[in-house]
N, C-alpha and C. Protein backbone atom coordinates (compact mmCIF):
# COMPACT_ATOMS: atom_id res chain seq x y z
N MET A 1 0.85 -1.19 0.00
CA MET A 1 0.00 0.00 0.00
C MET A 1 0.88 1.25 0.00
N SER A 2 0.62 2.19 -0.92
CA SER A 2 1.43 3.40 -1.01
C SER A 2 1.10 4.35 0.14
N ASN A 3 1.99 5.34 0.34
CA ASN A 3 1.76 6.33 1.38
C ASN A 3 0.45 7.08 1.15
N LEU A 4 0.15 7.39 -0.10
CA LEU A 4 -1.09 8.09 -0.42
C LEU A 4 -2.31 7.24 -0.06
N ASP A 5 -2.26 5.97 -0.38
CA ASP A 5 -3.36 5.07 -0.04
C ASP A 5 -3.56 4.99 1.48
N SER A 6 -2.44 4.91 2.20
CA SER A 6 -2.50 4.85 3.66
C SER A 6 -3.09 6.14 4.23
N ALA A 7 -2.70 7.28 3.64
CA ALA A 7 -3.20 8.58 4.11
C ALA A 7 -4.70 8.71 3.86
N ILE A 8 -5.14 8.25 2.69
CA ILE A 8 -6.57 8.30 2.37
C ILE A 8 -7.36 7.40 3.32
N LYS A 9 -6.81 6.23 3.62
CA LYS A 9 -7.46 5.32 4.55
C LYS A 9 -7.57 5.95 5.93
N LEU A 10 -6.49 6.61 6.39
CA LEU A 10 -6.51 7.27 7.69
C LEU A 10 -7.49 8.43 7.70
N LEU A 11 -7.57 9.17 6.59
CA LEU A 11 -8.52 10.27 6.50
C LEU A 11 -9.95 9.77 6.64
N PHE A 12 -10.23 8.63 6.04
CA PHE A 12 -11.56 8.01 6.18
C PHE A 12 -11.83 7.68 7.65
N VAL A 13 -10.83 7.13 8.34
CA VAL A 13 -10.97 6.81 9.76
C VAL A 13 -11.26 8.08 10.56
N VAL A 14 -10.59 9.18 10.22
CA VAL A 14 -10.81 10.46 10.90
C VAL A 14 -12.25 10.92 10.73
N PHE A 15 -12.77 10.81 9.50
CA PHE A 15 -14.16 11.20 9.25
C PHE A 15 -15.14 10.35 10.05
N VAL A 16 -14.88 9.06 10.14
CA VAL A 16 -15.74 8.18 10.94
C VAL A 16 -15.67 8.59 12.41
N PHE A 17 -14.47 8.86 12.88
CA PHE A 17 -14.23 9.30 14.25
C PHE A 17 -15.02 10.57 14.56
N LEU A 18 -14.96 11.54 13.66
CA LEU A 18 -15.68 12.80 13.86
C LEU A 18 -17.19 12.59 13.79
N ALA A 19 -17.60 11.69 12.94
CA ALA A 19 -19.04 11.41 12.83
C ALA A 19 -19.58 10.83 14.13
N ILE A 20 -18.84 9.91 14.71
CA ILE A 20 -19.30 9.25 15.94
C ILE A 20 -19.25 10.20 17.13
N LEU A 21 -18.17 10.96 17.25
CA LEU A 21 -17.98 11.80 18.44
C LEU A 21 -18.75 13.12 18.41
N ILE A 22 -18.90 13.72 17.22
CA ILE A 22 -19.50 15.05 17.16
C ILE A 22 -20.75 15.10 16.28
N ALA A 23 -20.63 14.67 15.03
CA ALA A 23 -21.75 14.83 14.10
C ALA A 23 -22.99 14.05 14.53
N LEU A 24 -22.81 12.79 14.91
CA LEU A 24 -23.96 11.96 15.28
C LEU A 24 -24.70 12.52 16.49
N PRO A 25 -24.02 12.81 17.61
CA PRO A 25 -24.77 13.38 18.74
C PRO A 25 -25.38 14.74 18.40
N ALA A 26 -24.71 15.51 17.53
CA ALA A 26 -25.26 16.82 17.15
C ALA A 26 -26.56 16.66 16.37
N VAL A 27 -26.63 15.62 15.54
CA VAL A 27 -27.86 15.33 14.80
C VAL A 27 -28.94 14.83 15.76
N VAL A 28 -28.55 13.91 16.65
CA VAL A 28 -29.50 13.34 17.61
C VAL A 28 -30.13 14.42 18.48
N PHE A 29 -29.31 15.40 18.93
CA PHE A 29 -29.80 16.42 19.83
C PHE A 29 -30.17 17.73 19.12
N GLY A 30 -30.18 17.70 17.79
CA GLY A 30 -30.71 18.81 17.01
C GLY A 30 -29.88 20.07 16.99
N VAL A 31 -28.54 19.95 17.05
CA VAL A 31 -27.70 21.16 17.03
C VAL A 31 -26.64 21.10 15.93
N ILE A 32 -26.83 20.23 14.95
CA ILE A 32 -25.83 20.07 13.89
C ILE A 32 -25.64 21.36 13.10
N GLN A 33 -26.66 22.21 13.07
CA GLN A 33 -26.58 23.45 12.30
C GLN A 33 -25.93 24.59 13.07
N LYS A 34 -25.65 24.42 14.34
CA LYS A 34 -25.07 25.48 15.16
C LYS A 34 -23.63 25.75 14.74
N TRP A 35 -23.24 27.04 14.73
CA TRP A 35 -21.89 27.39 14.30
C TRP A 35 -20.82 26.79 15.23
N GLN A 36 -21.17 26.64 16.50
CA GLN A 36 -20.20 26.06 17.44
C GLN A 36 -19.84 24.63 17.04
N VAL A 37 -20.84 23.86 16.63
CA VAL A 37 -20.62 22.47 16.22
C VAL A 37 -19.82 22.43 14.93
N ILE A 38 -20.16 23.29 13.99
CA ILE A 38 -19.44 23.35 12.71
C ILE A 38 -17.98 23.74 12.94
N PHE A 39 -17.76 24.72 13.83
CA PHE A 39 -16.39 25.13 14.15
C PHE A 39 -15.60 23.95 14.73
N LEU A 40 -16.22 23.21 15.64
CA LEU A 40 -15.53 22.08 16.26
C LEU A 40 -15.24 20.97 15.26
N LEU A 41 -16.16 20.69 14.37
CA LEU A 41 -15.90 19.69 13.33
C LEU A 41 -14.70 20.09 12.47
N CYS A 42 -14.67 21.37 12.07
CA CYS A 42 -13.55 21.86 11.25
C CYS A 42 -12.26 21.86 12.06
N GLY A 43 -12.36 22.26 13.33
CA GLY A 43 -11.18 22.29 14.19
C GLY A 43 -10.58 20.91 14.39
N TYR A 44 -11.43 19.92 14.66
CA TYR A 44 -10.96 18.55 14.84
C TYR A 44 -10.33 18.02 13.55
N LEU A 45 -10.94 18.36 12.41
CA LEU A 45 -10.40 17.89 11.14
C LEU A 45 -9.01 18.48 10.89
N LEU A 46 -8.83 19.77 11.19
CA LEU A 46 -7.51 20.39 11.06
C LEU A 46 -6.52 19.76 12.03
N PHE A 47 -6.98 19.49 13.23
CA PHE A 47 -6.12 18.89 14.25
C PHE A 47 -5.56 17.56 13.77
N PHE A 48 -6.44 16.69 13.29
CA PHE A 48 -6.01 15.35 12.88
C PHE A 48 -5.42 15.31 11.48
N SER A 49 -5.44 16.44 10.77
CA SER A 49 -4.79 16.49 9.46
C SER A 49 -3.29 16.29 9.60
N GLY A 50 -2.74 16.61 10.78
CA GLY A 50 -1.32 16.39 11.02
C GLY A 50 -0.97 14.91 10.95
N ASN A 51 -1.84 14.06 11.50
CA ASN A 51 -1.63 12.61 11.43
C ASN A 51 -1.66 12.14 9.98
N VAL A 52 -2.62 12.68 9.22
CA VAL A 52 -2.76 12.29 7.81
C VAL A 52 -1.52 12.73 7.02
N TRP A 53 -1.05 13.96 7.28
CA TRP A 53 0.14 14.46 6.60
C TRP A 53 1.34 13.58 6.90
N ARG A 54 1.50 13.17 8.15
CA ARG A 54 2.64 12.35 8.54
C ARG A 54 2.64 11.02 7.78
N VAL A 55 1.46 10.39 7.68
CA VAL A 55 1.35 9.11 6.97
C VAL A 55 1.61 9.30 5.48
N TRP A 56 1.08 10.36 4.90
CA TRP A 56 1.29 10.64 3.47
C TRP A 56 2.76 10.90 3.17
N ARG A 57 3.44 11.58 4.09
CA ARG A 57 4.84 11.97 3.85
C ARG A 57 5.82 10.86 4.20
N TYR A 58 5.55 10.11 5.28
CA TYR A 58 6.56 9.17 5.78
C TYR A 58 6.09 7.71 5.86
N GLY A 59 4.86 7.44 5.51
CA GLY A 59 4.39 6.05 5.55
C GLY A 59 3.51 5.80 6.76
N LYS A 60 2.83 4.67 6.76
CA LYS A 60 1.84 4.39 7.80
C LYS A 60 2.49 4.20 9.17
N LEU A 61 1.67 4.41 10.19
CA LEU A 61 2.12 4.25 11.57
C LEU A 61 2.32 2.77 11.90
N SER A 62 3.00 2.53 13.02
CA SER A 62 3.16 1.16 13.49
C SER A 62 1.78 0.56 13.81
N LYS A 63 1.71 -0.75 13.84
CA LYS A 63 0.45 -1.40 14.16
C LYS A 63 0.05 -1.13 15.60
N THR A 64 -1.25 -1.12 15.84
CA THR A 64 -1.76 -0.85 17.18
C THR A 64 -1.17 -1.83 18.20
N GLN A 65 -1.02 -3.09 17.80
CA GLN A 65 -0.51 -4.10 18.72
C GLN A 65 0.93 -3.84 19.15
N GLU A 66 1.64 -3.01 18.38
CA GLU A 66 3.04 -2.71 18.71
C GLU A 66 3.16 -1.60 19.74
N ASP A 67 2.08 -0.89 20.00
CA ASP A 67 2.09 0.18 20.98
C ASP A 67 2.29 -0.41 22.38
N ALA A 68 3.27 0.12 23.12
CA ALA A 68 3.63 -0.45 24.43
C ALA A 68 2.48 -0.42 25.42
N GLN A 69 1.59 0.58 25.31
CA GLN A 69 0.48 0.65 26.25
C GLN A 69 -0.51 -0.49 26.02
N PHE A 70 -0.59 -0.99 24.78
CA PHE A 70 -1.48 -2.10 24.46
C PHE A 70 -0.93 -3.43 24.97
N LYS A 71 0.35 -3.46 25.28
CA LYS A 71 0.99 -4.71 25.70
C LYS A 71 0.88 -4.96 27.20
N GLU A 72 0.41 -3.94 27.95
CA GLU A 72 0.27 -4.09 29.39
C GLU A 72 -1.20 -4.23 29.76
N SER A 73 -1.50 -5.11 30.70
CA SER A 73 -2.89 -5.32 31.12
C SER A 73 -3.52 -4.04 31.64
N ALA A 74 -2.77 -3.33 32.50
CA ALA A 74 -3.27 -2.06 33.05
C ALA A 74 -3.49 -1.05 31.94
N GLY A 75 -2.56 -1.04 30.98
CA GLY A 75 -2.69 -0.11 29.86
C GLY A 75 -3.93 -0.38 29.04
N LEU A 76 -4.24 -1.65 28.81
CA LEU A 76 -5.43 -2.01 28.05
C LEU A 76 -6.71 -1.58 28.76
N VAL A 77 -6.73 -1.77 30.07
CA VAL A 77 -7.90 -1.35 30.86
C VAL A 77 -8.07 0.16 30.78
N ILE A 78 -6.96 0.88 30.91
CA ILE A 78 -7.00 2.34 30.85
C ILE A 78 -7.44 2.82 29.47
N LEU A 79 -6.95 2.18 28.43
CA LEU A 79 -7.35 2.56 27.07
C LEU A 79 -8.83 2.32 26.83
N ALA A 80 -9.34 1.21 27.34
CA ALA A 80 -10.77 0.92 27.21
C ALA A 80 -11.59 1.97 27.96
N GLY A 81 -11.13 2.32 29.16
CA GLY A 81 -11.81 3.35 29.93
C GLY A 81 -11.76 4.70 29.24
N GLN A 82 -10.62 5.01 28.61
CA GLN A 82 -10.48 6.30 27.93
C GLN A 82 -11.39 6.38 26.71
N PHE A 83 -11.56 5.26 26.02
CA PHE A 83 -12.47 5.24 24.87
C PHE A 83 -13.90 5.56 25.31
N ILE A 84 -14.32 4.94 26.41
CA ILE A 84 -15.66 5.21 26.95
C ILE A 84 -15.76 6.66 27.41
N ALA A 85 -14.68 7.16 28.04
CA ALA A 85 -14.66 8.54 28.52
C ALA A 85 -14.76 9.51 27.35
N PHE A 86 -14.06 9.21 26.24
CA PHE A 86 -14.12 10.07 25.05
C PHE A 86 -15.56 10.18 24.54
N LEU A 87 -16.24 9.05 24.47
CA LEU A 87 -17.63 9.07 24.02
C LEU A 87 -18.49 9.90 24.98
N ALA A 88 -18.31 9.68 26.28
CA ALA A 88 -19.10 10.40 27.28
C ALA A 88 -18.83 11.89 27.23
N ILE A 89 -17.56 12.27 27.12
CA ILE A 89 -17.18 13.69 27.07
C ILE A 89 -17.88 14.39 25.90
N HIS A 90 -17.78 13.80 24.72
CA HIS A 90 -18.32 14.46 23.52
C HIS A 90 -19.85 14.44 23.48
N TRP A 91 -20.43 13.30 23.78
CA TRP A 91 -21.89 13.22 23.72
C TRP A 91 -22.56 14.05 24.81
N TRP A 92 -22.03 14.00 26.03
CA TRP A 92 -22.66 14.76 27.10
C TRP A 92 -22.54 16.27 26.84
N ALA A 93 -21.39 16.71 26.34
CA ALA A 93 -21.20 18.14 26.08
C ALA A 93 -22.21 18.65 25.06
N ILE A 94 -22.44 17.86 24.01
CA ILE A 94 -23.40 18.28 22.99
C ILE A 94 -24.83 18.22 23.53
N TYR A 95 -25.12 17.18 24.32
CA TYR A 95 -26.44 17.11 24.95
C TYR A 95 -26.67 18.33 25.84
N ASN A 96 -25.68 18.64 26.67
CA ASN A 96 -25.77 19.79 27.56
C ASN A 96 -25.94 21.09 26.77
N PHE A 97 -25.18 21.21 25.67
CA PHE A 97 -25.26 22.40 24.81
C PHE A 97 -26.65 22.55 24.21
N SER A 98 -27.26 21.43 23.84
CA SER A 98 -28.59 21.48 23.22
C SER A 98 -29.66 21.96 24.19
N ARG A 99 -29.38 21.89 25.49
CA ARG A 99 -30.36 22.27 26.51
C ARG A 99 -30.12 23.68 27.07
N LEU A 100 -29.05 24.33 26.63
CA LEU A 100 -28.75 25.66 27.13
C LEU A 100 -29.75 26.69 26.59
N SER A 101 -30.26 27.50 27.47
CA SER A 101 -31.17 28.57 27.02
C SER A 101 -30.38 29.79 26.59
N LYS A 102 -29.17 29.92 27.12
CA LYS A 102 -28.31 31.06 26.75
C LYS A 102 -26.86 30.61 26.78
N THR A 103 -26.07 31.09 25.81
CA THR A 103 -24.65 30.75 25.76
C THR A 103 -23.82 31.97 26.12
N GLU A 104 -22.68 31.74 26.74
CA GLU A 104 -21.77 32.81 27.14
C GLU A 104 -20.74 33.05 26.04
N THR A 105 -20.81 34.22 25.42
CA THR A 105 -19.89 34.54 24.32
C THR A 105 -18.44 34.49 24.77
N PHE A 106 -18.16 34.99 25.97
CA PHE A 106 -16.79 35.02 26.48
C PHE A 106 -16.20 33.61 26.54
N LEU A 107 -16.96 32.66 27.08
CA LEU A 107 -16.48 31.29 27.17
C LEU A 107 -16.25 30.67 25.80
N GLN A 108 -17.13 30.99 24.87
CA GLN A 108 -16.98 30.44 23.53
C GLN A 108 -15.73 30.99 22.84
N VAL A 109 -15.43 32.25 23.04
CA VAL A 109 -14.22 32.85 22.46
C VAL A 109 -12.98 32.21 23.07
N ILE A 110 -12.99 32.05 24.40
CA ILE A 110 -11.87 31.39 25.08
C ILE A 110 -11.70 29.97 24.56
N GLY A 111 -12.81 29.25 24.41
CA GLY A 111 -12.75 27.88 23.90
C GLY A 111 -12.18 27.82 22.50
N MET A 112 -12.56 28.77 21.64
CA MET A 112 -12.04 28.80 20.27
C MET A 112 -10.54 29.05 20.27
N ILE A 113 -10.08 29.93 21.12
CA ILE A 113 -8.64 30.21 21.22
C ILE A 113 -7.88 28.96 21.65
N ILE A 114 -8.45 28.24 22.62
CA ILE A 114 -7.81 27.02 23.11
C ILE A 114 -7.73 25.96 22.01
N VAL A 115 -8.80 25.81 21.22
CA VAL A 115 -8.80 24.84 20.13
C VAL A 115 -7.75 25.21 19.09
N VAL A 116 -7.68 26.47 18.73
CA VAL A 116 -6.67 26.93 17.76
C VAL A 116 -5.27 26.67 18.29
N LEU A 117 -5.05 26.95 19.58
CA LEU A 117 -3.75 26.69 20.20
C LEU A 117 -3.41 25.19 20.15
N ALA A 118 -4.40 24.35 20.40
CA ALA A 118 -4.20 22.90 20.34
C ALA A 118 -3.76 22.48 18.93
N ILE A 119 -4.41 23.04 17.92
CA ILE A 119 -4.06 22.71 16.53
C ILE A 119 -2.63 23.12 16.22
N ILE A 120 -2.25 24.33 16.63
CA ILE A 120 -0.91 24.84 16.36
C ILE A 120 0.15 23.96 17.04
N ILE A 121 -0.05 23.65 18.31
CA ILE A 121 0.91 22.82 19.06
C ILE A 121 1.03 21.44 18.43
N ASN A 122 -0.10 20.85 18.06
CA ASN A 122 -0.10 19.52 17.46
C ASN A 122 0.66 19.52 16.13
N GLN A 123 0.38 20.51 15.29
CA GLN A 123 1.04 20.57 13.99
C GLN A 123 2.54 20.80 14.14
N LEU A 124 2.94 21.68 15.07
CA LEU A 124 4.36 21.94 15.30
C LEU A 124 5.07 20.68 15.79
N ALA A 125 4.43 19.97 16.70
CA ALA A 125 5.04 18.75 17.26
C ALA A 125 5.22 17.68 16.19
N ILE A 126 4.18 17.44 15.40
CA ILE A 126 4.24 16.40 14.37
C ILE A 126 5.28 16.74 13.31
N ARG A 127 5.34 18.00 12.91
CA ARG A 127 6.30 18.40 11.88
C ARG A 127 7.73 18.44 12.42
N THR A 128 7.87 18.56 13.73
CA THR A 128 9.21 18.46 14.33
C THR A 128 9.65 17.00 14.37
N LEU A 129 8.75 16.11 14.76
CA LEU A 129 9.08 14.68 14.83
C LEU A 129 9.20 14.05 13.45
N LYS A 130 8.40 14.54 12.50
CA LYS A 130 8.37 13.99 11.15
C LYS A 130 8.06 12.49 11.19
N GLY A 131 8.91 11.66 10.61
CA GLY A 131 8.64 10.23 10.56
C GLY A 131 8.71 9.53 11.90
N LEU A 132 9.26 10.21 12.91
CA LEU A 132 9.35 9.62 14.24
C LEU A 132 8.05 9.73 15.01
N PHE A 133 7.10 10.52 14.50
CA PHE A 133 5.78 10.58 15.14
C PHE A 133 5.08 9.25 14.90
N ASP A 134 4.84 8.52 15.97
CA ASP A 134 4.32 7.16 15.84
C ASP A 134 3.67 6.75 17.15
N ARG A 135 3.29 5.50 17.25
CA ARG A 135 2.79 4.96 18.50
C ARG A 135 3.97 4.78 19.45
N ILE A 136 3.73 4.30 20.67
CA ILE A 136 4.82 4.12 21.63
C ILE A 136 5.63 2.89 21.24
N THR A 137 6.61 3.12 20.38
CA THR A 137 7.50 2.05 19.94
C THR A 137 8.91 2.62 19.83
N ILE A 138 9.90 1.79 20.04
CA ILE A 138 11.29 2.18 19.85
C ILE A 138 11.84 1.36 18.69
N LYS A 139 12.36 2.06 17.69
CA LYS A 139 12.89 1.38 16.51
C LYS A 139 14.42 1.54 16.46
N PRO A 140 15.10 0.71 15.68
CA PRO A 140 16.56 0.74 15.63
C PRO A 140 17.13 2.12 15.29
N ASN A 141 16.43 2.86 14.43
CA ASN A 141 16.93 4.17 14.00
C ASN A 141 16.32 5.33 14.80
N HIS A 142 15.76 5.01 15.96
CA HIS A 142 15.08 6.02 16.76
C HIS A 142 16.05 7.13 17.17
N GLN A 143 15.57 8.36 17.14
CA GLN A 143 16.38 9.51 17.52
C GLN A 143 15.71 10.27 18.65
N LEU A 144 16.51 10.94 19.45
CA LEU A 144 15.98 11.79 20.52
C LEU A 144 15.83 13.21 19.99
N ILE A 145 14.59 13.68 19.93
CA ILE A 145 14.30 15.02 19.41
C ILE A 145 14.15 16.00 20.57
N THR A 146 14.98 17.03 20.58
CA THR A 146 14.93 18.04 21.66
C THR A 146 14.89 19.45 21.09
N THR A 147 14.55 19.57 19.82
CA THR A 147 14.53 20.88 19.17
C THR A 147 13.09 21.37 19.00
N GLY A 148 12.95 22.61 18.54
CA GLY A 148 11.62 23.17 18.29
C GLY A 148 10.78 23.22 19.56
N ILE A 149 9.55 22.82 19.43
CA ILE A 149 8.63 22.85 20.58
C ILE A 149 9.08 21.88 21.67
N TYR A 150 9.90 20.90 21.31
CA TYR A 150 10.38 19.92 22.30
C TYR A 150 11.43 20.52 23.24
N ARG A 151 11.84 21.74 22.99
CA ARG A 151 12.70 22.43 23.96
C ARG A 151 11.90 22.86 25.18
N GLN A 152 10.60 23.01 25.02
CA GLN A 152 9.75 23.52 26.09
C GLN A 152 9.11 22.40 26.91
N VAL A 153 8.56 21.40 26.23
CA VAL A 153 7.91 20.27 26.92
C VAL A 153 8.28 18.98 26.21
N ARG A 154 8.27 17.88 26.96
CA ARG A 154 8.65 16.59 26.39
C ARG A 154 7.52 15.90 25.64
N HIS A 155 6.27 16.31 25.93
CA HIS A 155 5.12 15.62 25.31
C HIS A 155 4.10 16.63 24.78
N PRO A 156 4.49 17.46 23.81
CA PRO A 156 3.55 18.47 23.29
C PRO A 156 2.34 17.88 22.58
N VAL A 157 2.48 16.69 21.99
CA VAL A 157 1.32 16.07 21.32
C VAL A 157 0.23 15.76 22.34
N TYR A 158 0.63 15.24 23.49
CA TYR A 158 -0.36 14.95 24.54
C TYR A 158 -0.98 16.25 25.08
N LEU A 159 -0.15 17.27 25.20
CA LEU A 159 -0.68 18.58 25.61
C LEU A 159 -1.74 19.07 24.63
N SER A 160 -1.50 18.87 23.35
CA SER A 160 -2.46 19.33 22.34
C SER A 160 -3.79 18.59 22.45
N TYR A 161 -3.75 17.30 22.78
CA TYR A 161 -4.99 16.54 22.97
C TYR A 161 -5.79 17.08 24.16
N VAL A 162 -5.10 17.36 25.24
CA VAL A 162 -5.77 17.90 26.43
C VAL A 162 -6.41 19.25 26.11
N LEU A 163 -5.66 20.11 25.42
CA LEU A 163 -6.18 21.43 25.07
C LEU A 163 -7.37 21.32 24.12
N LEU A 164 -7.32 20.39 23.18
CA LEU A 164 -8.43 20.22 22.24
C LEU A 164 -9.71 19.86 22.99
N LEU A 165 -9.61 18.94 23.94
CA LEU A 165 -10.78 18.53 24.71
C LEU A 165 -11.28 19.65 25.62
N ILE A 166 -10.35 20.37 26.23
CA ILE A 166 -10.75 21.49 27.09
C ILE A 166 -11.44 22.57 26.27
N GLY A 167 -10.91 22.85 25.08
CA GLY A 167 -11.54 23.84 24.20
C GLY A 167 -12.93 23.39 23.78
N TYR A 168 -13.07 22.12 23.48
CA TYR A 168 -14.37 21.55 23.10
C TYR A 168 -15.39 21.74 24.21
N CYS A 169 -15.00 21.38 25.43
CA CYS A 169 -15.92 21.49 26.56
C CYS A 169 -16.26 22.95 26.87
N THR A 170 -15.28 23.84 26.68
CA THR A 170 -15.49 25.26 26.98
C THR A 170 -16.44 25.89 25.97
N ILE A 171 -16.26 25.58 24.70
CA ILE A 171 -17.16 26.12 23.67
C ILE A 171 -18.60 25.67 23.90
N LEU A 172 -18.76 24.41 24.26
CA LEU A 172 -20.10 23.86 24.49
C LEU A 172 -20.58 24.06 25.92
N GLN A 173 -19.72 24.64 26.75
CA GLN A 173 -20.06 25.03 28.12
C GLN A 173 -20.59 23.86 28.96
N SER A 174 -19.80 22.80 28.97
CA SER A 174 -20.17 21.62 29.74
C SER A 174 -19.15 21.39 30.86
N PHE A 175 -19.52 21.75 32.07
CA PHE A 175 -18.63 21.57 33.22
C PHE A 175 -18.41 20.09 33.51
N VAL A 176 -19.44 19.28 33.37
CA VAL A 176 -19.32 17.85 33.63
C VAL A 176 -18.29 17.22 32.69
N SER A 177 -18.39 17.53 31.39
CA SER A 177 -17.44 16.99 30.42
C SER A 177 -16.03 17.50 30.68
N LEU A 178 -15.91 18.72 31.16
CA LEU A 178 -14.60 19.27 31.47
C LEU A 178 -13.95 18.51 32.62
N VAL A 179 -14.72 18.24 33.66
CA VAL A 179 -14.19 17.47 34.80
C VAL A 179 -13.79 16.07 34.36
N LEU A 180 -14.64 15.44 33.53
CA LEU A 180 -14.34 14.10 33.03
C LEU A 180 -13.07 14.12 32.17
N THR A 181 -12.88 15.19 31.42
CA THR A 181 -11.66 15.33 30.61
C THR A 181 -10.42 15.35 31.48
N VAL A 182 -10.45 16.16 32.53
CA VAL A 182 -9.30 16.28 33.42
C VAL A 182 -8.98 14.94 34.09
N VAL A 183 -10.02 14.27 34.61
CA VAL A 183 -9.81 13.00 35.31
C VAL A 183 -9.31 11.92 34.36
N SER A 184 -9.99 11.76 33.23
CA SER A 184 -9.64 10.68 32.30
C SER A 184 -8.28 10.90 31.66
N CYS A 185 -7.96 12.14 31.29
CA CYS A 185 -6.66 12.42 30.67
C CYS A 185 -5.52 12.26 31.67
N THR A 186 -5.78 12.59 32.93
CA THR A 186 -4.76 12.40 33.97
C THR A 186 -4.39 10.92 34.07
N ILE A 187 -5.39 10.06 34.05
CA ILE A 187 -5.14 8.61 34.15
C ILE A 187 -4.53 8.07 32.87
N TRP A 188 -5.15 8.39 31.74
CA TRP A 188 -4.71 7.87 30.43
C TRP A 188 -3.31 8.34 30.07
N LEU A 189 -3.09 9.65 30.12
CA LEU A 189 -1.79 10.18 29.72
C LEU A 189 -0.73 9.94 30.79
N GLY A 190 -1.14 9.90 32.05
CA GLY A 190 -0.18 9.59 33.10
C GLY A 190 0.44 8.22 32.88
N ASN A 191 -0.41 7.24 32.59
CA ASN A 191 0.08 5.89 32.31
C ASN A 191 0.91 5.86 31.03
N ARG A 192 0.42 6.54 30.01
CA ARG A 192 1.10 6.52 28.71
C ARG A 192 2.48 7.19 28.78
N ILE A 193 2.55 8.31 29.47
CA ILE A 193 3.82 9.02 29.58
C ILE A 193 4.83 8.22 30.40
N ASN A 194 4.38 7.59 31.46
CA ASN A 194 5.29 6.78 32.28
C ASN A 194 5.89 5.64 31.46
N ILE A 195 5.06 4.97 30.66
CA ILE A 195 5.55 3.88 29.81
C ILE A 195 6.55 4.42 28.79
N GLU A 196 6.19 5.51 28.15
CA GLU A 196 7.04 6.07 27.09
C GLU A 196 8.38 6.55 27.64
N GLU A 197 8.35 7.24 28.78
CA GLU A 197 9.60 7.77 29.33
C GLU A 197 10.51 6.65 29.84
N LYS A 198 9.94 5.60 30.36
CA LYS A 198 10.74 4.46 30.79
C LYS A 198 11.47 3.86 29.59
N MET A 199 10.78 3.73 28.46
CA MET A 199 11.39 3.20 27.25
C MET A 199 12.48 4.11 26.73
N LEU A 200 12.27 5.42 26.80
CA LEU A 200 13.25 6.37 26.30
C LEU A 200 14.49 6.41 27.19
N VAL A 201 14.31 6.24 28.49
CA VAL A 201 15.47 6.17 29.40
C VAL A 201 16.29 4.92 29.09
N GLU A 202 15.60 3.81 28.83
CA GLU A 202 16.30 2.57 28.49
C GLU A 202 17.06 2.71 27.18
N LYS A 203 16.50 3.48 26.24
CA LYS A 203 17.12 3.64 24.92
C LYS A 203 18.26 4.66 24.95
N PHE A 204 18.04 5.81 25.59
CA PHE A 204 19.00 6.91 25.50
C PHE A 204 19.77 7.19 26.79
N GLY A 205 19.37 6.54 27.88
CA GLY A 205 20.11 6.64 29.13
C GLY A 205 20.27 8.05 29.66
N ASP A 206 21.53 8.44 29.92
CA ASP A 206 21.83 9.74 30.53
C ASP A 206 21.37 10.91 29.67
N ARG A 207 21.36 10.74 28.35
CA ARG A 207 20.93 11.82 27.46
C ARG A 207 19.48 12.19 27.72
N TYR A 208 18.63 11.17 27.86
CA TYR A 208 17.22 11.47 28.10
C TYR A 208 16.99 11.98 29.51
N GLN A 209 17.72 11.46 30.48
CA GLN A 209 17.59 11.94 31.86
C GLN A 209 18.01 13.39 31.98
N ALA A 210 19.04 13.79 31.24
CA ALA A 210 19.46 15.19 31.22
C ALA A 210 18.37 16.06 30.58
N TYR A 211 17.77 15.54 29.53
CA TYR A 211 16.66 16.24 28.86
C TYR A 211 15.47 16.38 29.80
N GLN A 212 15.19 15.35 30.59
CA GLN A 212 14.11 15.41 31.57
C GLN A 212 14.34 16.53 32.59
N ARG A 213 15.58 16.68 33.01
CA ARG A 213 15.90 17.70 34.02
C ARG A 213 15.75 19.11 33.48
N LYS A 214 15.90 19.28 32.17
CA LYS A 214 15.86 20.62 31.57
C LYS A 214 14.47 21.04 31.11
N THR A 215 13.54 20.09 31.01
CA THR A 215 12.23 20.40 30.45
C THR A 215 11.10 19.94 31.37
N LYS A 216 9.92 20.50 31.10
CA LYS A 216 8.71 20.06 31.80
C LYS A 216 8.07 18.92 31.02
N LYS A 217 7.25 18.17 31.71
CA LYS A 217 6.66 16.96 31.11
C LYS A 217 5.60 17.32 30.07
N ILE A 218 4.63 18.13 30.45
CA ILE A 218 3.51 18.37 29.53
C ILE A 218 3.00 19.82 29.55
N ILE A 219 3.19 20.53 30.66
CA ILE A 219 2.73 21.91 30.75
C ILE A 219 3.95 22.82 30.88
N PRO A 220 4.22 23.69 29.90
CA PRO A 220 5.40 24.54 29.93
C PRO A 220 5.53 25.34 31.23
N PHE A 221 6.74 25.32 31.81
CA PHE A 221 7.10 26.09 33.01
C PHE A 221 6.40 25.62 34.29
N ILE A 222 5.51 24.64 34.18
CA ILE A 222 4.72 24.22 35.36
C ILE A 222 4.94 22.75 35.70
N TYR A 223 4.64 21.84 34.77
CA TYR A 223 4.70 20.41 35.09
C TYR A 223 5.17 19.58 33.88
């Protein structure tokens, strides 16, 4: 399968993903025509276009079974829980939005800014990693990237996911979905980052430990 074929296949998966998480509940709850929903659909599509670009430029990602988090029992449980949480976050937020009698313009503007920031961070991170953007796997030619946005945080891609979900919840003004986002991402990404960093320490040793001391994990200047 050529890179273009793989990219087209991934783009189809992205459309299905957006249909299940946003379009379908928006149709069910009668808000598919709202500009907020349309903005979020476009924003999510731009966000995941980075994944499609990476596959088109450098070839398909590693198989899901090769991801280190899938190889651990605890990781599998956490991933299953995160999938359920993703559905709950998106569907509940749209349901809540459909019942609002009034929306707060200030919150929606803040949410839009957060979504745009998430897109920018995600695109910068993927284009910095290039072909190394993949699942949690270590390959023979693996390199340690500490340039660009990786000078500030070690896991900007994960930061972009958190920001995307926070922006989504803020635009739709769902406090419940926001709390669920914080809790589920703390568990999901906490486990994922621990696995990934352990592998990187084993691969790069003192070089990665020195990098850890100079940078924050996921939130610039804070954590």
